[in-house]
Amino acid sequence: MSVNDTAYDTAGSALEPGDVPRMPRPDVRETAAHSIPGGLALLLGLVGSLLGAGAVVGGGVLAGDGSGGVGAVLIVLGVLLLIGSVFAMSGLNMVAPGEARVVQLFGRYTGTIRKDGLRWVNPLTTRHKISTRVRNHETAVLKVNDAYGNPIELAAVVVWQVEDTAMASFAVDDYIEFVSTQTEAAVRHIAIEYPYDAHDEAGLSLRGNAEEITEKLAAELTVRVEAAGVTIVESRFTHLAYAPEIASAMLQRQQAGAVVAARKTIVEGACGMVEDAITRITAQDFVELDEERRATMVSNLLVVLCGDRSPQPVMNTGSLYQ
């Protein structure tokens, strides 16, 4: 993605421009290196080495028999053929599955060998190995302030893989360290953008909207590490908690919120039950209730339904008006 392209998260929604770090445009992209099967190159190298060794031995025999000129020529040709064969076999490379070889000729990038097995390339080139296997990176437990300024602790694990070996080799100094640093930066940025618990039910929070937050984390990581030719497979938070210095206070706040929510639900249900009871009594007309009796019944029913203890019945032998 170039710096002028629009970034999208994994859910398909466009990221805000301020959320996308501006990474430099890569100068090099991965291409396939020209190579041939190594078995054929190995066979030709061995044949050349045997012929060179045979020419040297034959030249020595001829030189001993008095044919010094012919023998000397054979020795020189044999030595050159032997050196050339050994030098040519230095272009052989063993590529294991999940690995690649980045090929350079006099400092210029010429391509990447991804096909596993024995391959041969120009022996004048330099080749260095780079892993294309899927890797895990787990951050340390980071202490940051969330959107409300509360200190929290969080850690994340990122599953990533090298997609472009040329960019991983030449666009950044050390792609493994680059991924590590950018992962920590993305986790910190996400943590300060959202609260641990949202006061507004419509807002996103780190604890209450884990799926949405991890999608945004993966989207930001994808943009951050793209300059290194790395693709993000998955990212997850592995640790999320308030910092120890405020954990007890926040626990009390959560408990109070749970109690209030439970009481609200109880009151709503009790009001509905009282309304149904009054409606049925009035509809069946088996008891005549004036306003004072109706208010007393509503009060008694709410006490029974909303109380956190079993009610104690009281027998009224008199009248409500005396």
C-alpha atoms as a PDB file:
ATOM      1  CA  MET A   1       0.000   0.000   0.000  1.00  0.00           C
ATOM      2  CA  SER A   2       1.374   3.381  -0.889  1.00  0.00           C
ATOM      3  CA  VAL A   3       1.071   6.374   1.377  1.00  0.00           C
ATOM      4  CA  ASN A   4      -1.606   7.787  -0.904  1.00  0.00           C
ATOM      5  CA  ASP A   5      -3.833   4.713  -0.738  1.00  0.00           C
ATOM      6  CA  THR A   6      -6.780   4.446   1.626  1.00  0.00           C
ATOM      7  CA  ALA A   7      -6.297   1.971   4.473  1.00  0.00           C
ATOM      8  CA  TYR A   8      -9.089  -0.376   5.482  1.00  0.00           C
ATOM      9  CA  ASP A   9      -9.483  -2.510   8.544  1.00  0.00           C
ATOM     10  CA  THR A  10     -10.337  -6.207   8.408  1.00  0.00           C
ATOM     11  CA  ALA A  11     -14.038  -5.460   8.660  1.00  0.00           C
ATOM     12  CA  GLY A  12     -13.890  -3.399   5.477  1.00  0.00           C
ATOM     13  CA  SER A  13     -14.397   0.051   7.006  1.00  0.00           C
ATOM     14  CA  ALA A  14     -11.986   2.820   6.178  1.00  0.00           C
ATOM     15  CA  LEU A  15      -9.536   3.801   8.879  1.00  0.00           C
ATOM     16  CA  GLU A  16      -9.278   7.421   9.860  1.00  0.00           C
ATOM     17  CA  PRO A  17      -6.332   9.267   8.259  1.00  0.00           C
ATOM     18  CA  GLY A  18      -4.888  10.111  11.655  1.00  0.00           C
ATOM     19  CA  ASP A  19      -4.881   6.424  12.622  1.00  0.00           C
ATOM     20  CA  VAL A  20      -2.668   5.372   9.711  1.00  0.00           C
ATOM     21  CA  PRO A  21       1.084   5.895  10.110  1.00  0.00           C
ATOM     22  CA  ARG A  22       2.773   7.166   6.974  1.00  0.00           C
ATOM     23  CA  MET A  23       5.360   4.576   5.983  1.00  0.00           C
ATOM     24  CA  PRO A  24       7.911   5.138   3.197  1.00  0.00           C
ATOM     25  CA  ARG A  25       7.310   3.729  -0.246  1.00  0.00           C
ATOM     26  CA  PRO A  26       9.441   0.594  -0.828  1.00  0.00           C
ATOM     27  CA  ASP A  27      12.215   0.893  -3.412  1.00  0.00           C
ATOM     28  CA  VAL A  28      12.434  -2.811  -4.219  1.00  0.00           C
ATOM     29  CA  ARG A  29       9.948  -5.648  -4.640  1.00  0.00           C
ATOM     30  CA  GLU A  30      10.484  -9.386  -4.662  1.00  0.00           C
ATOM     31  CA  THR A  31      11.117 -11.077  -8.007  1.00  0.00           C
ATOM     32  CA  ALA A  32      11.978 -14.675  -8.856  1.00  0.00           C
ATOM     33  CA  ALA A  33      15.681 -15.352  -9.264  1.00  0.00           C
ATOM     34  CA  HIS A  34      16.881 -17.207 -12.358  1.00  0.00           C
ATOM     35  CA  SER A  35      17.991 -20.667 -11.282  1.00  0.00           C
ATOM     36  CA  ILE A  36      18.247 -24.169 -12.655  1.00  0.00           C
ATOM     37  CA  PRO A  37      17.779 -27.557 -10.977  1.00  0.00           C
ATOM     38  CA  GLY A  38      20.765 -28.268  -8.788  1.00  0.00           C
ATOM     39  CA  GLY A  39      20.980 -31.959  -9.675  1.00  0.00           C
ATOM     40  CA  LEU A  40      21.991 -31.202 -13.269  1.00  0.00           C
ATOM     41  CA  ALA A  41      24.495 -28.556 -12.160  1.00  0.00           C
ATOM     42  CA  LEU A  42      25.985 -30.961  -9.610  1.00  0.00           C
ATOM     43  CA  LEU A  43      26.354 -33.694 -12.230  1.00  0.00           C
ATOM     44  CA  LEU A  44      28.072 -31.338 -14.693  1.00  0.00           C
ATOM     45  CA  GLY A  45      30.362 -30.067 -11.939  1.00  0.00           C
ATOM     46  CA  LEU A  46      31.387 -33.577 -10.937  1.00  0.00           C
ATOM     47  CA  VAL A  47      32.002 -34.559 -14.569  1.00  0.00           C
ATOM     48  CA  GLY A  48      34.093 -31.431 -15.097  1.00  0.00           C
ATOM     49  CA  SER A  49      36.095 -32.113 -11.953  1.00  0.00           C
ATOM     50  CA  LEU A  50      36.798 -35.697 -13.046  1.00  0.00           C
ATOM     51  CA  LEU A  51      37.810 -34.569 -16.528  1.00  0.00           C
ATOM     52  CA  GLY A  52      40.082 -31.887 -15.068  1.00  0.00           C
ATOM     53  CA  ALA A  53      41.708 -34.334 -12.704  1.00  0.00           C
ATOM     54  CA  GLY A  54      42.123 -36.823 -15.555  1.00  0.00           C
ATOM     55  CA  ALA A  55      43.691 -34.151 -17.773  1.00  0.00           C
ATOM     56  CA  VAL A  56      46.189 -33.251 -15.051  1.00  0.00           C
ATOM     57  CA  VAL A  57      47.149 -36.904 -14.557  1.00  0.00           C
ATOM     58  CA  GLY A  58      47.378 -37.487 -18.303  1.00  0.00           C
ATOM     59  CA  GLY A  59      49.501 -34.385 -18.794  1.00  0.00           C
ATOM     60  CA  GLY A  60      51.870 -35.535 -16.073  1.00  0.00           C
ATOM     61  CA  VAL A  61      52.229 -38.931 -17.752  1.00  0.00           C
ATOM     62  CA  LEU A  62      52.926 -37.329 -21.150  1.00  0.00           C
ATOM     63  CA  ALA A  63      55.442 -34.956 -19.618  1.00  0.00           C
ATOM     64  CA  GLY A  64      57.264 -37.914 -18.116  1.00  0.00           C
ATOM     65  CA  ASP A  65      57.375 -39.687 -21.488  1.00  0.00           C
ATOM     66  CA  GLY A  66      59.091 -36.794 -23.215  1.00  0.00           C
ATOM     67  CA  SER A  67      56.055 -34.954 -24.652  1.00  0.00           C
ATOM     68  CA  GLY A  68      56.605 -31.977 -22.422  1.00  0.00           C
ATOM     69  CA  GLY A  69      54.704 -29.433 -24.524  1.00  0.00           C
ATOM     70  CA  VAL A  70      51.537 -31.499 -24.879  1.00  0.00           C
ATOM     71  CA  GLY A  71      51.722 -32.604 -21.260  1.00  0.00           C
ATOM     72  CA  ALA A  72      52.073 -29.036 -20.028  1.00  0.00           C
ATOM     73  CA  VAL A  73      49.073 -27.953 -22.049  1.00  0.00           C
ATOM     74  CA  LEU A  74      46.974 -30.802 -20.674  1.00  0.00           C
ATOM     75  CA  ILE A  75      48.032 -29.972 -17.128  1.00  0.00           C
ATOM     76  CA  VAL A  76      47.079 -26.319 -17.546  1.00  0.00           C
ATOM     77  CA  LEU A  77      43.737 -27.202 -19.134  1.00  0.00           C
ATOM     78  CA  GLY A  78      43.031 -29.772 -16.440  1.00  0.00           C
ATOM     79  CA  VAL A  79      43.794 -27.343 -13.647  1.00  0.00           C
ATOM     80  CA  LEU A  80      41.601 -24.679 -15.229  1.00  0.00           C
ATOM     81  CA  LEU A  81      38.770 -27.168 -15.774  1.00  0.00           C
ATOM     82  CA  LEU A  82      39.068 -28.437 -12.217  1.00  0.00           C
ATOM     83  CA  ILE A  83      39.051 -24.916 -10.747  1.00  0.00           C
ATOM     84  CA  GLY A  84      36.171 -23.890 -12.992  1.00  0.00           C
ATOM     85  CA  SER A  85      34.103 -26.937 -12.016  1.00  0.00           C
ATOM     86  CA  VAL A  86      34.661 -26.385  -8.306  1.00  0.00           C
ATOM     87  CA  PHE A  87      33.875 -22.699  -8.690  1.00  0.00           C
ATOM     88  CA  ALA A  88      30.696 -23.489 -10.656  1.00  0.00           C
ATOM     89  CA  MET A  89      29.518 -25.906  -7.960  1.00  0.00           C
ATOM     90  CA  SER A  90      29.770 -23.080  -5.419  1.00  0.00           C
ATOM     91  CA  GLY A  91      26.550 -21.782  -6.991  1.00  0.00           C
ATOM     92  CA  LEU A  92      24.587 -24.714  -5.569  1.00  0.00           C
ATOM     93  CA  ASN A  93      22.057 -23.909  -2.855  1.00  0.00           C
ATOM     94  CA  MET A  94      19.948 -26.173  -0.672  1.00  0.00           C
ATOM     95  CA  VAL A  95      16.600 -24.484   0.003  1.00  0.00           C
ATOM     96  CA  ALA A  96      14.453 -26.045   2.730  1.00  0.00           C
ATOM     97  CA  PRO A  97      10.640 -25.710   2.863  1.00  0.00           C
ATOM     98  CA  GLY A  98       9.680 -22.493   4.624  1.00  0.00           C
ATOM     99  CA  GLU A  99      12.908 -20.781   3.588  1.00  0.00           C
ATOM    100  CA  ALA A 100      14.073 -18.565   0.729  1.00  0.00           C
ATOM    101  CA  ARG A 101      17.380 -17.328  -0.641  1.00  0.00           C
ATOM    102  CA  VAL A 102      17.805 -13.643  -1.477  1.00  0.00           C
ATOM    103  CA  VAL A 103      20.272 -13.350  -4.355  1.00  0.00           C
ATOM    104  CA  GLN A 104      22.548 -10.341  -4.956  1.00  0.00           C
ATOM    105  CA  LEU A 105      25.071  -9.762  -7.743  1.00  0.00           C
ATOM    106  CA  PHE A 106      27.739  -7.221  -6.774  1.00  0.00           C
ATOM    107  CA  GLY A 107      25.307  -5.623  -4.321  1.00  0.00           C
ATOM    108  CA  ARG A 108      22.363  -5.467  -6.748  1.00  0.00           C
ATOM    109  CA  TYR A 109      19.257  -7.473  -5.909  1.00  0.00           C
ATOM    110  CA  THR A 110      18.596 -10.011  -8.669  1.00  0.00           C
ATOM    111  CA  GLY A 111      15.785 -12.132  -7.223  1.00  0.00           C
ATOM    112  CA  THR A 112      14.686 -14.643  -4.624  1.00  0.00           C
ATOM    113  CA  ILE A 113      14.759 -18.446  -4.723  1.00  0.00           C
ATOM    114  CA  ARG A 114      11.615 -19.823  -3.108  1.00  0.00           C
ATOM    115  CA  LYS A 115      11.462 -23.275  -4.718  1.00  0.00           C
ATOM    116  CA  ASP A 116      12.751 -25.822  -2.242  1.00  0.00           C
ATOM    117  CA  GLY A 117      15.368 -28.412  -3.084  1.00  0.00           C
ATOM    118  CA  LEU A 118      18.806 -28.134  -4.684  1.00  0.00           C
ATOM    119  CA  ARG A 119      19.056 -25.100  -6.990  1.00  0.00           C
ATOM    120  CA  TRP A 120      21.937 -23.503  -8.882  1.00  0.00           C
ATOM    121  CA  VAL A 121      22.493 -19.814  -9.521  1.00  0.00           C
ATOM    122  CA  ASN A 122      25.348 -17.690 -10.751  1.00  0.00           C
ATOM    123  CA  PRO A 123      28.304 -18.498  -8.464  1.00  0.00           C
ATOM    124  CA  LEU A 124      29.363 -14.841  -8.512  1.00  0.00           C
ATOM    125  CA  THR A 125      26.246 -13.927  -6.562  1.00  0.00           C
ATOM    126  CA  THR A 126      25.849 -13.808  -2.811  1.00  0.00           C
ATOM    127  CA  ARG A 127      22.893 -15.541  -1.202  1.00  0.00           C
ATOM    128  CA  HIS A 128      21.512 -15.149   2.291  1.00  0.00           C
ATOM    129  CA  LYS A 129      18.788 -17.191   3.917  1.00  0.00           C
ATOM    130  CA  ILE A 130      15.523 -15.725   5.127  1.00  0.00           C
ATOM    131  CA  SER A 131      12.715 -17.626   6.830  1.00  0.00           C
ATOM    132  CA  THR A 132       9.201 -17.470   5.378  1.00  0.00           C
ATOM    133  CA  ARG A 133       7.634 -19.550   8.149  1.00  0.00           C
ATOM    134  CA  VAL A 134       4.770 -18.262  10.286  1.00  0.00           C
ATOM    135  CA  ARG A 135       6.079 -16.729  13.502  1.00  0.00           C
ATOM    136  CA  ASN A 136       4.711 -15.579  16.842  1.00  0.00           C
ATOM    137  CA  HIS A 137       5.689 -12.429  18.671  1.00  0.00           C
ATOM    138  CA  GLU A 138       4.373 -11.766  22.168  1.00  0.00           C
ATOM    139  CA  THR A 139       4.902  -8.367  23.687  1.00  0.00           C
ATOM    140  CA  ALA A 140       5.850  -7.802  27.272  1.00  0.00           C
ATOM    141  CA  VAL A 141       3.189  -6.554  29.687  1.00  0.00           C
ATOM    142  CA  LEU A 142       2.926  -2.840  28.902  1.00  0.00           C
ATOM    143  CA  LYS A 143       1.622  -0.207  31.311  1.00  0.00           C
ATOM    144  CA  VAL A 144      -0.202   2.643  29.559  1.00  0.00           C
ATOM    145  CA  ASN A 145      -3.045   5.062  30.234  1.00  0.00           C
ATOM    146  CA  ASP A 146      -6.335   4.372  28.509  1.00  0.00           C
ATOM    147  CA  ALA A 147      -8.576   7.030  26.915  1.00  0.00           C
ATOM    148  CA  TYR A 148      -9.879   8.057  30.361  1.00  0.00           C
ATOM    149  CA  GLY A 149      -6.389   8.333  31.800  1.00  0.00           C
ATOM    150  CA  ASN A 150      -6.612   5.171  33.901  1.00  0.00           C
ATOM    151  CA  PRO A 151      -3.373   3.160  34.109  1.00  0.00           C
ATOM    152  CA  ILE A 152      -3.849  -0.299  32.616  1.00  0.00           C
ATOM    153  CA  GLU A 153      -1.664  -3.270  31.796  1.00  0.00           C
ATOM    154  CA  LEU A 154      -1.918  -5.143  28.520  1.00  0.00           C
ATOM    155  CA  ALA A 155       0.023  -7.517  26.304  1.00  0.00           C
ATOM    156  CA  ALA A 156      -0.626  -8.930  22.852  1.00  0.00           C
ATOM    157  CA  VAL A 157       0.517 -11.789  20.639  1.00  0.00           C
ATOM    158  CA  VAL A 158       0.957 -11.286  16.899  1.00  0.00           C
ATOM    159  CA  VAL A 159       1.182 -14.033  14.287  1.00  0.00           C
ATOM    160  CA  TRP A 160       3.134 -12.803  11.262  1.00  0.00           C
ATOM    161  CA  GLN A 161       4.957 -14.031   8.173  1.00  0.00           C
ATOM    162  CA  VAL A 162       7.435 -12.621   5.674  1.00  0.00           C
ATOM    163  CA  GLU A 163       5.594 -12.066   2.400  1.00  0.00           C
ATOM    164  CA  ASP A 164       8.140 -10.034   0.416  1.00  0.00           C
ATOM    165  CA  THR A 165      11.708 -11.176   1.066  1.00  0.00           C
ATOM    166  CA  ALA A 166      13.240  -8.267  -0.844  1.00  0.00           C
ATOM    167  CA  MET A 167      11.502  -5.667   1.305  1.00  0.00           C
ATOM    168  CA  ALA A 168      12.336  -7.595   4.476  1.00  0.00           C
ATOM    169  CA  SER A 169      16.013  -7.651   3.487  1.00  0.00           C
ATOM    170  CA  PHE A 170      16.523  -4.165   2.058  1.00  0.00           C
ATOM    171  CA  ALA A 171      13.662  -1.874   3.139  1.00  0.00           C
ATOM    172  CA  VAL A 172      14.413  -2.103   6.885  1.00  0.00           C
ATOM    173  CA  ASP A 173      17.557  -2.670   8.897  1.00  0.00           C
ATOM    174  CA  ASP A 174      16.295  -5.694  10.878  1.00  0.00           C
ATOM    175  CA  TYR A 175      12.810  -6.900  10.011  1.00  0.00           C
ATOM    176  CA  ILE A 176      12.410  -8.989  13.181  1.00  0.00           C
ATOM    177  CA  GLU A 177      13.242  -6.046  15.433  1.00  0.00           C
ATOM    178  CA  PHE A 178      11.093  -3.821  13.225  1.00  0.00           C
ATOM    179  CA  VAL A 179       8.043  -6.053  13.729  1.00  0.00           C
ATOM    180  CA  SER A 180       8.683  -6.164  17.470  1.00  0.00           C
ATOM    181  CA  THR A 181       8.948  -2.389  17.792  1.00  0.00           C
ATOM    182  CA  GLN A 182       5.958  -1.642  15.584  1.00  0.00           C
ATOM    183  CA  THR A 183       3.834  -4.193  17.444  1.00  0.00           C
ATOM    184  CA  GLU A 184       4.528  -2.480  20.750  1.00  0.00           C
ATOM    185  CA  ALA A 185       3.801   0.925  19.196  1.00  0.00           C
ATOM    186  CA  ALA A 186       0.481  -0.289  17.753  1.00  0.00           C
ATOM    187  CA  VAL A 187      -0.598  -1.860  21.054  1.00  0.00           C
ATOM    188  CA  ARG A 188       0.185   1.365  22.929  1.00  0.00           C
ATOM    189  CA  HIS A 189      -1.649   3.461  20.342  1.00  0.00           C
ATOM    190  CA  ILE A 190      -4.760   1.281  20.491  1.00  0.00           C
ATOM    191  CA  ALA A 191      -4.697   1.349  24.310  1.00  0.00           C
ATOM    192  CA  ILE A 192      -4.664   5.157  24.541  1.00  0.00           C
ATOM    193  CA  GLU A 193      -7.401   5.499  21.906  1.00  0.00           C
ATOM    194  CA  TYR A 194     -10.024   3.459  23.813  1.00  0.00           C
ATOM    195  CA  PRO A 195     -11.033   3.151  27.473  1.00  0.00           C
ATOM    196  CA  TYR A 196     -10.797  -0.042  29.461  1.00  0.00           C
ATOM    197  CA  ASP A 197     -14.535   0.236  30.254  1.00  0.00           C
ATOM    198  CA  ALA A 198     -16.719   2.679  28.316  1.00  0.00           C
ATOM    199  CA  HIS A 199     -19.023   4.937  30.338  1.00  0.00           C
ATOM    200  CA  ASP A 200     -21.136   5.314  27.214  1.00  0.00           C
ATOM    201  CA  GLU A 201     -22.786   2.055  26.161  1.00  0.00           C
ATOM    202  CA  ALA A 202     -22.487   3.034  22.492  1.00  0.00           C
ATOM    203  CA  GLY A 203     -18.713   3.548  22.722  1.00  0.00           C
ATOM    204  CA  LEU A 204     -16.042   0.933  22.186  1.00  0.00           C
ATOM    205  CA  SER A 205     -13.969  -0.339  25.109  1.00  0.00           C
ATOM    206  CA  LEU A 206     -10.980  -2.631  25.402  1.00  0.00           C
ATOM    207  CA  ARG A 207     -12.780  -5.082  27.680  1.00  0.00           C
ATOM    208  CA  GLY A 208     -16.274  -4.948  26.240  1.00  0.00           C
ATOM    209  CA  ASN A 209     -15.436  -4.937  22.502  1.00  0.00           C
ATOM    210  CA  ALA A 210     -12.497  -7.312  22.240  1.00  0.00           C
ATOM    211  CA  GLU A 211     -13.273  -8.466  18.690  1.00  0.00           C
ATOM    212  CA  GLU A 212     -13.607  -4.958  17.266  1.00  0.00           C
ATOM    213  CA  ILE A 213     -10.472  -3.738  19.043  1.00  0.00           C
ATOM    214  CA  THR A 214      -8.363  -6.680  17.856  1.00  0.00           C
ATOM    215  CA  GLU A 215      -9.555  -6.050  14.290  1.00  0.00           C
ATOM    216  CA  LYS A 216      -8.393  -2.456  14.560  1.00  0.00           C
ATOM    217  CA  LEU A 217      -5.106  -3.625  16.050  1.00  0.00           C
ATOM    218  CA  ALA A 218      -4.554  -6.035  13.150  1.00  0.00           C
ATOM    219  CA  ALA A 219      -5.410  -3.306  10.625  1.00  0.00           C
ATOM    220  CA  GLU A 220      -2.955  -0.848  12.162  1.00  0.00           C
ATOM    221  CA  LEU A 221      -0.240  -3.485  12.430  1.00  0.00           C
ATOM    222  CA  THR A 222      -0.726  -4.393   8.762  1.00  0.00           C
ATOM    223  CA  VAL A 223      -0.055  -0.800   7.750  1.00  0.00           C
ATOM    224  CA  ARG A 224       2.892  -0.414  10.113  1.00  0.00           C
ATOM    225  CA  VAL A 225       4.815  -3.540   9.072  1.00  0.00           C
ATOM    226  CA  GLU A 226       3.993  -3.438   5.373  1.00  0.00           C
ATOM    227  CA  ALA A 227       7.204  -1.504   4.715  1.00  0.00           C
ATOM    228  CA  ALA A 228       9.133  -4.589   5.880  1.00  0.00           C
ATOM    229  CA  GLY A 229       7.313  -6.960   3.535  1.00  0.00           C
ATOM    230  CA  VAL A 230       5.533  -8.628   6.457  1.00  0.00           C
ATOM    231  CA  THR A 231       1.896  -9.709   6.582  1.00  0.00           C
ATOM    232  CA  ILE A 232      -0.117 -10.035   9.803  1.00  0.00           C
ATOM    233  CA  VAL A 233      -1.961 -13.344  10.137  1.00  0.00           C
ATOM    234  CA  GLU A 234      -3.654 -12.669  13.479  1.00  0.00           C
ATOM    235  CA  SER A 235      -3.321 -10.507  16.571  1.00  0.00           C
ATOM    236  CA  ARG A 236      -4.860 -10.982  20.013  1.00  0.00           C
ATOM    237  CA  PHE A 237      -4.621  -9.419  23.460  1.00  0.00           C
ATOM    238  CA  THR A 238      -3.236 -11.935  25.919  1.00  0.00           C
ATOM    239  CA  HIS A 239      -3.357  -9.746  29.028  1.00  0.00           C
ATOM    240  CA  LEU A 240      -5.698  -6.890  29.896  1.00  0.00           C
ATOM    241  CA  ALA A 241      -6.205  -5.525  33.400  1.00  0.00           C
ATOM    242  CA  TYR A 242      -6.148  -2.370  35.460  1.00  0.00           C
ATOM    243  CA  ALA A 243      -2.806  -1.470  36.996  1.00  0.00           C
ATOM    244  CA  PRO A 244      -2.401  -2.788  40.568  1.00  0.00           C
ATOM    245  CA  GLU A 245      -2.542   0.691  42.133  1.00  0.00           C
ATOM    246  CA  ILE A 246      -6.148   1.247  40.973  1.00  0.00           C
ATOM    247  CA  ALA A 247      -7.360  -2.327  40.547  1.00  0.00           C
ATOM    248  CA  SER A 248      -9.188  -2.473  43.899  1.00  0.00           C
ATOM    249  CA  ALA A 249     -10.927   0.880  43.353  1.00  0.00           C
ATOM    250  CA  MET A 250     -12.012  -0.108  39.857  1.00  0.00           C
ATOM    251  CA  LEU A 251     -13.259  -3.455  41.169  1.00  0.00           C
ATOM    252  CA  GLN A 252     -15.501  -1.630  43.628  1.00  0.00           C
ATOM    253  CA  ARG A 253     -16.759   0.560  40.799  1.00  0.00           C
ATOM    254  CA  GLN A 254     -17.553  -2.480  38.687  1.00  0.00           C
ATOM    255  CA  GLN A 255     -19.334  -4.136  41.589  1.00  0.00           C
ATOM    256  CA  ALA A 256     -21.380  -0.984  42.221  1.00  0.00           C
ATOM    257  CA  GLY A 257     -22.294  -0.813  38.548  1.00  0.00           C
ATOM    258  CA  ALA A 258     -23.382  -4.451  38.622  1.00  0.00           C
ATOM    259  CA  VAL A 259     -25.549  -3.852  41.706  1.00  0.00           C
ATOM    260  CA  VAL A 260     -27.172  -0.792  40.120  1.00  0.00           C
ATOM    261  CA  ALA A 261     -27.853  -2.680  36.897  1.00  0.00           C
ATOM    262  CA  ALA A 262     -29.367  -5.595  38.821  1.00  0.00           C
ATOM    263  CA  ARG A 263     -31.571  -3.277  40.897  1.00  0.00           C
ATOM    264  CA  LYS A 264     -32.719  -1.498  37.753  1.00  0.00           C
ATOM    265  CA  THR A 265     -33.774  -4.791  36.208  1.00  0.00           C
ATOM    266  CA  ILE A 266     -35.577  -5.834  39.412  1.00  0.00           C
ATOM    267  CA  VAL A 267     -37.461  -2.525  39.643  1.00  0.00           C
ATOM    268  CA  GLU A 268     -38.504  -2.673  35.994  1.00  0.00           C
ATOM    269  CA  GLY A 269     -39.818  -6.209  36.436  1.00  0.00           C
ATOM    270  CA  ALA A 270     -41.568  -5.364  39.720  1.00  0.00           C
ATOM    271  CA  CYS A 271     -43.326  -2.343  38.196  1.00  0.00           C
ATOM    272  CA  GLY A 272     -44.607  -4.524  35.368  1.00  0.00           C
ATOM    273  CA  MET A 273     -45.903  -7.143  37.781  1.00  0.00           C
ATOM    274  CA  VAL A 274     -47.629  -4.527  39.969  1.00  0.00           C
ATOM    275  CA  GLU A 275     -49.232  -2.951  36.917  1.00  0.00           C
ATOM    276  CA  ASP A 276     -50.541  -6.323  35.766  1.00  0.00           C
ATOM    277  CA  ALA A 277     -51.907  -7.104  39.231  1.00  0.00           C
ATOM    278  CA  ILE A 278     -53.739  -3.767  39.548  1.00  0.00           C
ATOM    279  CA  THR A 279     -55.107  -4.089  36.007  1.00  0.00           C
ATOM    280  CA  ARG A 280     -56.469  -7.595  36.596  1.00  0.00           C
ATOM    281  CA  ILE A 281     -58.020  -6.647  39.952  1.00  0.00           C
ATOM    282  CA  THR A 282     -59.713  -3.634  38.384  1.00  0.00           C
ATOM    283  CA  ALA A 283     -60.877  -5.628  35.346  1.00  0.00           C
ATOM    284  CA  GLN A 284     -62.388  -8.475  37.401  1.00  0.00           C
ATOM    285  CA  ASP A 285     -63.971  -6.002  39.824  1.00  0.00           C
ATOM    286  CA  PHE A 286     -63.950  -8.365  42.803  1.00  0.00           C
ATOM    287  CA  VAL A 287     -62.372  -5.753  45.088  1.00  0.00           C
ATOM    288  CA  GLU A 288     -63.141  -2.049  45.025  1.00  0.00           C
ATOM    289  CA  LEU A 289     -59.984  -0.017  45.481  1.00  0.00           C
ATOM    290  CA  ASP A 290     -59.941   3.684  46.093  1.00  0.00           C
ATOM    291  CA  GLU A 291     -56.803   5.748  45.559  1.00  0.00           C
ATOM    292  CA  GLU A 292     -55.431   5.209  49.066  1.00  0.00           C
ATOM    293  CA  ARG A 293     -55.948   1.420  48.979  1.00  0.00           C
ATOM    294  CA  ARG A 294     -54.423   1.310  45.500  1.00  0.00           C
ATOM    295  CA  ALA A 295     -51.361   3.237  46.696  1.00  0.00           C
ATOM    296  CA  THR A 296     -51.014   0.950  49.719  1.00  0.00           C
ATOM    297  CA  MET A 297     -51.210  -2.169  47.563  1.00  0.00           C
ATOM    298  CA  VAL A 298     -48.631  -0.801  45.145  1.00  0.00           C
ATOM    299  CA  SER A 299     -46.295   0.041  48.032  1.00  0.00           C
ATOM    300  CA  ASN A 300     -46.646  -3.412  49.608  1.00  0.00           C
ATOM    301  CA  LEU A 301     -46.113  -5.219  46.313  1.00  0.00           C
ATOM    302  CA  LEU A 302     -43.018  -3.194  45.493  1.00  0.00           C
ATOM    303  CA  VAL A 303     -41.568  -3.889  48.948  1.00  0.00           C
ATOM    304  CA  VAL A 304     -42.161  -7.624  48.509  1.00  0.00           C
ATOM    305  CA  LEU A 305     -40.823  -7.795  44.947  1.00  0.00           C
ATOM    306  CA  CYS A 306     -37.830  -5.429  45.267  1.00  0.00           C
ATOM    307  CA  GLY A 307     -36.638  -6.345  48.746  1.00  0.00           C
ATOM    308  CA  ASP A 308     -33.436  -8.347  49.094  1.00  0.00           C
ATOM    309  CA  ARG A 309     -34.820 -10.195  52.149  1.00  0.00           C
ATOM    310  CA  SER A 310     -37.905 -12.293  52.696  1.00  0.00           C
ATOM    311  CA  PRO A 311     -40.831 -10.070  53.800  1.00  0.00           C
ATOM    312  CA  GLN A 312     -42.406 -10.495  57.256  1.00  0.00           C
ATOM    313  CA  PRO A 313     -46.236 -10.507  57.012  1.00  0.00           C
ATOM    314  CA  VAL A 314     -48.156  -8.143  59.277  1.00  0.00           C
ATOM    315  CA  MET A 315     -51.822  -8.842  60.126  1.00  0.00           C
ATOM    316  CA  ASN A 316     -53.920  -5.685  60.058  1.00  0.00           C
ATOM    317  CA  THR A 317     -57.035  -6.157  62.207  1.00  0.00           C
ATOM    318  CA  GLY A 318     -58.143  -2.596  61.941  1.00  0.00           C
ATOM    319  CA  SER A 319     -58.859  -0.265  59.061  1.00  0.00           C
ATOM    320  CA  LEU A 320     -56.643   1.728  56.793  1.00  0.00           C
ATOM    321  CA  TYR A 321     -58.459   4.860  57.802  1.00  0.00           C
ATOM    322  CA  GLN A 322     -58.070   4.411  61.573  1.00  0.00           C
END
